[in-house]
Amino acid sequence: LQLRIGALPAAPRRCEMSRRCRLCDVDVTDEMVAAHLTGKRHKKLASTRKIVCPQSAELIWADESSCWEFRAAGAAGEAGAAEAAAPPSSSARQRRKAPRDAPTLDELLLPAVGDPQPPSVLSRLQQLLARLIVGFWAWLCSLRPRPEVKEQQRREAAAKKVANKVISKREKESQREAELRRQKQEKLAFEAARRAEEKARAAAAAEEENARRAAKAEQAEQRAREEAERSRERERRAAAEAAEAAAGR
């Protein structure tokens, strides 16, 4: 993974100048070199950006000796002057307007071979931090499941959810059946206890009734014996009185 830091400014306007600042990408005359070097834009870019070395085509640190691109003498100079004097064509205007590709993370952070001013400790720490961030982001991206894996996980979760619902439903049905059986058994036990209690109560009532009847029969028999005894006593008394009456006559 590489970070795009942003597009560089568009190609500068061509004119007949003696030298060109590769850092600011502008043409500067000999009289304006000192003023350009002390300008805010050049100082800011010199402290934050690198330039392309024309000999090695690599990024190097910008300084006063490496940021200037001198015009070649002779035919090259005449060709440059003719190009500057000629009216710009549409293709040339498009090339000038088209921005160059933005530097990558490695181009901005890695030290170039033959770099006259190697990066400082802070730059190396920034490079390490940037690489750590990029590696961590790549690791996070690798942790994300693929679409087919996510679909498989979703299907497995749905199947597991349905299975859990079926299992819970069966458990509820079994619990309901067990509760019904328990209630039925309790009802049967209660009915049996009630019938046994009724039978015991009926037996006790029958026994009490039999005892009462036996007592009444015994009392009736006792009264009958007493009545017979009294009747015999009256008969003896009547016989005695009759005998006394006969004897008195």
Protein backbone atom coordinates (compact mmCIF):
# COMPACT_ATOMS: atom_id res chain seq x y z
CA LEU A 1 0.00 0.00 0.00
CA GLN A 2 1.28 3.47 -0.88
CA LEU A 3 -0.11 6.82 0.18
CA ARG A 4 -0.71 9.47 -2.45
CA ILE A 5 0.26 12.75 -0.85
CA GLY A 6 -1.52 14.93 -3.39
CA ALA A 7 -0.92 16.22 -6.87
CA LEU A 8 1.95 18.59 -7.48
CA PRO A 9 1.19 21.96 -9.05
CA ALA A 10 0.67 22.18 -12.79
CA ALA A 11 3.52 22.60 -15.22
CA PRO A 12 4.92 26.14 -15.20
CA ARG A 13 4.87 28.66 -17.96
CA ARG A 14 7.83 28.45 -20.33
CA CYS A 15 9.85 31.55 -21.00
CA GLU A 16 13.35 32.47 -22.07
CA MET A 17 15.18 32.16 -18.75
CA SER A 18 18.70 31.11 -17.96
CA ARG A 19 17.90 28.64 -15.21
CA ARG A 20 14.96 26.78 -13.72
CA CYS A 21 14.15 25.94 -10.09
CA ARG A 22 13.20 22.27 -10.02
CA LEU A 23 11.89 22.61 -6.47
CA CYS A 24 9.40 25.40 -7.19
CA ASP A 25 9.05 24.34 -10.85
CA VAL A 26 9.43 27.92 -12.13
CA ASP A 27 11.88 29.73 -14.46
CA VAL A 28 14.12 32.33 -12.82
CA THR A 29 16.44 34.88 -14.40
CA ASP A 30 19.96 35.44 -13.20
CA GLU A 31 18.97 38.73 -11.62
CA MET A 32 16.10 37.09 -9.64
CA VAL A 33 18.05 34.13 -8.22
CA ALA A 34 18.82 35.79 -4.89
CA ALA A 35 15.27 37.06 -4.50
CA HIS A 36 13.88 33.64 -5.39
CA LEU A 37 16.09 31.83 -2.87
CA THR A 38 14.94 34.13 -0.08
CA GLY A 39 11.27 33.80 -1.03
CA LYS A 40 8.80 32.21 1.39
CA ARG A 41 7.59 29.61 -1.09
CA HIS A 42 11.09 28.40 -1.96
CA LYS A 43 12.12 28.19 1.71
CA LYS A 44 8.95 26.31 2.62
CA LEU A 45 9.31 23.83 -0.23
CA ALA A 46 13.03 23.40 0.45
CA SER A 47 12.26 22.34 4.04
CA THR A 48 9.45 19.91 3.20
CA ARG A 49 10.02 18.45 -0.30
CA LYS A 50 12.54 16.59 -2.39
CA ILE A 51 13.44 17.03 -6.04
CA VAL A 52 14.37 14.66 -8.84
CA CYS A 53 18.09 14.44 -9.54
CA PRO A 54 18.65 14.73 -13.33
CA GLN A 55 21.69 12.40 -13.25
CA SER A 56 20.25 9.48 -11.21
CA ALA A 57 16.51 10.15 -11.66
CA GLU A 58 16.08 9.75 -7.90
CA LEU A 59 14.70 12.00 -5.23
CA ILE A 60 17.32 14.03 -3.41
CA TRP A 61 17.14 16.68 -0.73
CA ALA A 62 16.77 20.16 -2.14
CA ASP A 63 19.51 22.70 -1.54
CA GLU A 64 20.87 25.71 -3.39
CA SER A 65 23.22 23.61 -5.53
CA SER A 66 20.82 20.85 -6.55
CA CYS A 67 17.58 22.71 -7.15
CA TRP A 68 18.70 24.57 -10.25
CA GLU A 69 18.31 23.23 -13.74
CA PHE A 70 20.60 25.15 -16.07
CA ARG A 71 19.71 25.53 -19.75
CA ALA A 72 22.01 23.73 -22.15
CA ALA A 73 24.09 25.98 -24.42
CA GLY A 74 24.09 25.91 -28.22
CA ALA A 75 21.35 24.06 -30.06
CA ALA A 76 19.52 23.08 -26.91
CA GLY A 77 19.41 26.69 -25.83
CA GLU A 78 18.23 27.82 -29.25
CA ALA A 79 15.60 25.07 -29.29
CA GLY A 80 14.42 26.17 -25.85
CA ALA A 81 14.26 29.78 -26.98
CA ALA A 82 12.36 28.82 -30.14
CA GLU A 83 9.98 26.75 -28.10
CA ALA A 84 9.42 29.64 -25.70
CA ALA A 85 8.96 32.15 -28.54
CA ALA A 86 6.63 29.96 -30.60
CA PRO A 87 2.93 30.10 -29.76
CA PRO A 88 1.97 27.20 -27.55
CA SER A 89 0.02 24.46 -29.30
CA SER A 90 -2.97 22.66 -27.84
CA SER A 91 -0.92 19.54 -27.01
CA ALA A 92 1.75 21.67 -25.36
CA ARG A 93 -0.89 23.50 -23.36
CA GLN A 94 -2.37 20.18 -22.29
CA ARG A 95 1.07 18.92 -21.23
CA ARG A 96 1.67 22.08 -19.25
CA LYS A 97 -1.75 21.96 -17.61
CA ALA A 98 -1.57 18.27 -16.78
CA PRO A 99 -0.25 17.83 -13.22
CA ARG A 100 2.51 15.39 -12.55
CA ASP A 101 1.88 12.24 -10.52
CA ALA A 102 2.06 12.74 -6.80
CA PRO A 103 5.07 11.21 -5.02
CA THR A 104 4.50 7.93 -3.24
CA LEU A 105 5.15 7.15 0.40
CA ASP A 106 8.47 5.47 -0.36
CA GLU A 107 9.62 8.43 -2.49
CA LEU A 108 8.86 10.85 0.32
CA LEU A 109 10.23 8.82 3.21
CA LEU A 110 12.98 6.52 1.90
CA PRO A 111 16.47 8.03 1.56
CA ALA A 112 17.76 8.00 -2.03
CA VAL A 113 21.02 6.44 -3.11
CA GLY A 114 23.72 9.09 -3.09
CA ASP A 115 21.56 11.47 -1.11
CA PRO A 116 23.78 14.43 -0.16
CA GLN A 117 21.68 15.12 2.92
CA PRO A 118 20.38 11.90 4.53
CA PRO A 119 17.15 12.09 6.52
CA SER A 120 17.35 12.91 10.18
CA VAL A 121 16.33 10.70 13.10
CA LEU A 122 12.91 12.33 13.08
CA SER A 123 12.47 11.44 9.40
CA ARG A 124 13.44 7.84 10.12
CA LEU A 125 10.94 7.75 12.99
CA GLN A 126 8.30 9.17 10.68
CA GLN A 127 9.17 6.52 8.10
CA LEU A 128 8.92 3.76 10.72
CA LEU A 129 5.62 5.14 12.02
CA ALA A 130 4.19 5.38 8.51
CA ARG A 131 5.23 1.81 7.73
CA LEU A 132 3.73 0.61 11.00
CA ILE A 133 0.46 2.38 10.21
CA VAL A 134 0.39 0.95 6.69
CA GLY A 135 1.18 -2.55 7.96
CA PHE A 136 -1.46 -2.31 10.68
CA TRP A 137 -4.02 -1.15 8.13
CA ALA A 138 -3.12 -4.02 5.81
CA TRP A 139 -3.45 -6.44 8.73
CA LEU A 140 -6.88 -5.02 9.58
CA CYS A 141 -7.92 -5.37 5.94
CA SER A 142 -6.74 -8.98 5.95
CA LEU A 143 -8.86 -9.67 9.04
CA ARG A 144 -12.04 -8.71 7.22
CA PRO A 145 -13.80 -11.87 6.06
CA ARG A 146 -14.41 -12.39 2.39
CA PRO A 147 -17.98 -12.14 1.01
CA GLU A 148 -18.37 -15.89 0.62
CA VAL A 149 -17.08 -16.44 4.15
CA LYS A 150 -19.50 -13.82 5.47
CA GLU A 151 -22.35 -15.48 3.55
CA GLN A 152 -21.37 -18.89 4.96
CA GLN A 153 -21.21 -17.45 8.47
CA ARG A 154 -24.61 -15.82 7.99
CA ARG A 155 -26.11 -19.11 6.82
CA GLU A 156 -24.56 -20.99 9.72
CA ALA A 157 -25.88 -18.39 12.16
CA ALA A 158 -29.37 -18.62 10.63
CA ALA A 159 -29.31 -22.45 10.79
CA LYS A 160 -28.08 -22.34 14.37
CA LYS A 161 -30.83 -19.88 15.26
CA VAL A 162 -33.49 -22.13 13.70
CA ALA A 163 -32.05 -25.17 15.51
CA ASN A 164 -32.08 -23.28 18.81
CA LYS A 165 -35.71 -22.31 18.22
CA VAL A 166 -36.67 -25.94 17.50
CA ILE A 167 -34.78 -27.16 20.56
CA SER A 168 -36.38 -24.52 22.80
CA LYS A 169 -39.83 -25.39 21.39
CA ARG A 170 -39.30 -29.09 22.08
CA GLU A 171 -38.06 -28.32 25.58
CA LYS A 172 -41.13 -26.18 26.26
CA GLU A 173 -43.42 -28.94 24.93
CA SER A 174 -41.70 -31.56 27.09
CA GLN A 175 -41.94 -29.29 30.12
CA ARG A 176 -45.64 -28.71 29.40
CA GLU A 177 -46.27 -32.45 29.05
CA ALA A 178 -44.39 -33.15 32.28
CA GLU A 179 -46.44 -30.48 34.05
CA LEU A 180 -49.68 -32.00 32.73
CA ARG A 181 -48.62 -35.48 33.86
CA ARG A 182 -47.72 -34.15 37.29
CA GLN A 183 -51.06 -32.36 37.61
CA LYS A 184 -52.91 -35.51 36.48
CA GLN A 185 -51.05 -37.64 39.01
CA GLU A 186 -51.77 -35.12 41.76
CA LYS A 187 -55.44 -35.10 40.78
CA LEU A 188 -55.62 -38.91 40.81
CA ALA A 189 -53.89 -39.04 44.19
CA PHE A 190 -56.28 -36.45 45.57
CA GLU A 191 -59.29 -38.37 44.23
CA ALA A 192 -57.98 -41.62 45.75
CA ALA A 193 -57.41 -39.93 49.10
CA ARG A 194 -60.88 -38.39 48.97
CA ARG A 195 -62.49 -41.75 48.17
CA ALA A 196 -60.56 -43.46 50.95
CA GLU A 197 -61.60 -40.76 53.38
CA GLU A 198 -65.23 -41.08 52.30
CA LYS A 199 -65.07 -44.86 52.72
CA ALA A 200 -63.56 -44.47 56.19
CA ARG A 201 -66.18 -41.92 57.13
CA ALA A 202 -68.97 -44.20 55.84
CA ALA A 203 -67.53 -47.17 57.74
CA ALA A 204 -67.33 -45.13 60.93
CA ALA A 205 -70.91 -43.92 60.47
CA ALA A 206 -72.12 -47.48 59.85
CA GLU A 207 -70.28 -48.74 62.90
CA GLU A 208 -71.74 -45.95 65.00
CA GLU A 209 -75.21 -46.71 63.66
CA ASN A 210 -74.77 -50.38 64.46
CA ALA A 211 -73.62 -49.55 67.97
CA ARG A 212 -76.59 -47.25 68.46
CA ARG A 213 -78.97 -49.89 67.17
CA ALA A 214 -77.40 -52.49 69.44
CA ALA A 215 -77.76 -50.15 72.40
CA LYS A 216 -81.40 -49.50 71.52
CA ALA A 217 -82.04 -53.23 71.18
CA GLU A 218 -80.39 -53.86 74.50
CA GLN A 219 -82.43 -51.12 76.11
CA ALA A 220 -85.62 -52.54 74.59
CA GLU A 221 -84.71 -56.00 75.81
CA GLN A 222 -83.96 -54.60 79.26
CA ARG A 223 -87.32 -52.84 79.33
CA ALA A 224 -89.04 -56.02 78.17
CA ARG A 225 -87.40 -57.98 80.98
CA GLU A 226 -88.33 -55.35 83.51
CA GLU A 227 -91.88 -55.28 82.19
CA ALA A 228 -92.09 -59.08 82.39
CA GLU A 229 -90.69 -58.98 85.92
CA ARG A 230 -93.27 -56.39 86.93
CA SER A 231 -96.03 -58.35 85.31
CA ARG A 232 -94.97 -61.49 87.18
CA GLU A 233 -94.77 -59.48 90.39
CA ARG A 234 -98.29 -58.20 89.81
CA GLU A 235 -99.47 -61.70 89.08
CA ARG A 236 -97.93 -63.00 92.33
CA ARG A 237 -99.41 -60.12 94.26
CA ALA A 238 -102.80 -60.71 92.70
CA ALA A 239 -102.57 -64.42 93.50
CA ALA A 240 -101.55 -63.68 97.08
CA GLU A 241 -104.38 -61.24 97.51
CA ALA A 242 -106.78 -63.78 96.04
CA ALA A 243 -105.50 -66.42 98.44
CA GLU A 244 -105.84 -64.06 101.41
CA ALA A 245 -109.34 -63.18 100.33
CA ALA A 246 -110.27 -66.84 100.05
CA ALA A 247 -108.79 -67.58 103.45
CA GLY A 248 -110.76 -64.73 105.04
CA ARG A 249 -113.96 -66.05 103.73
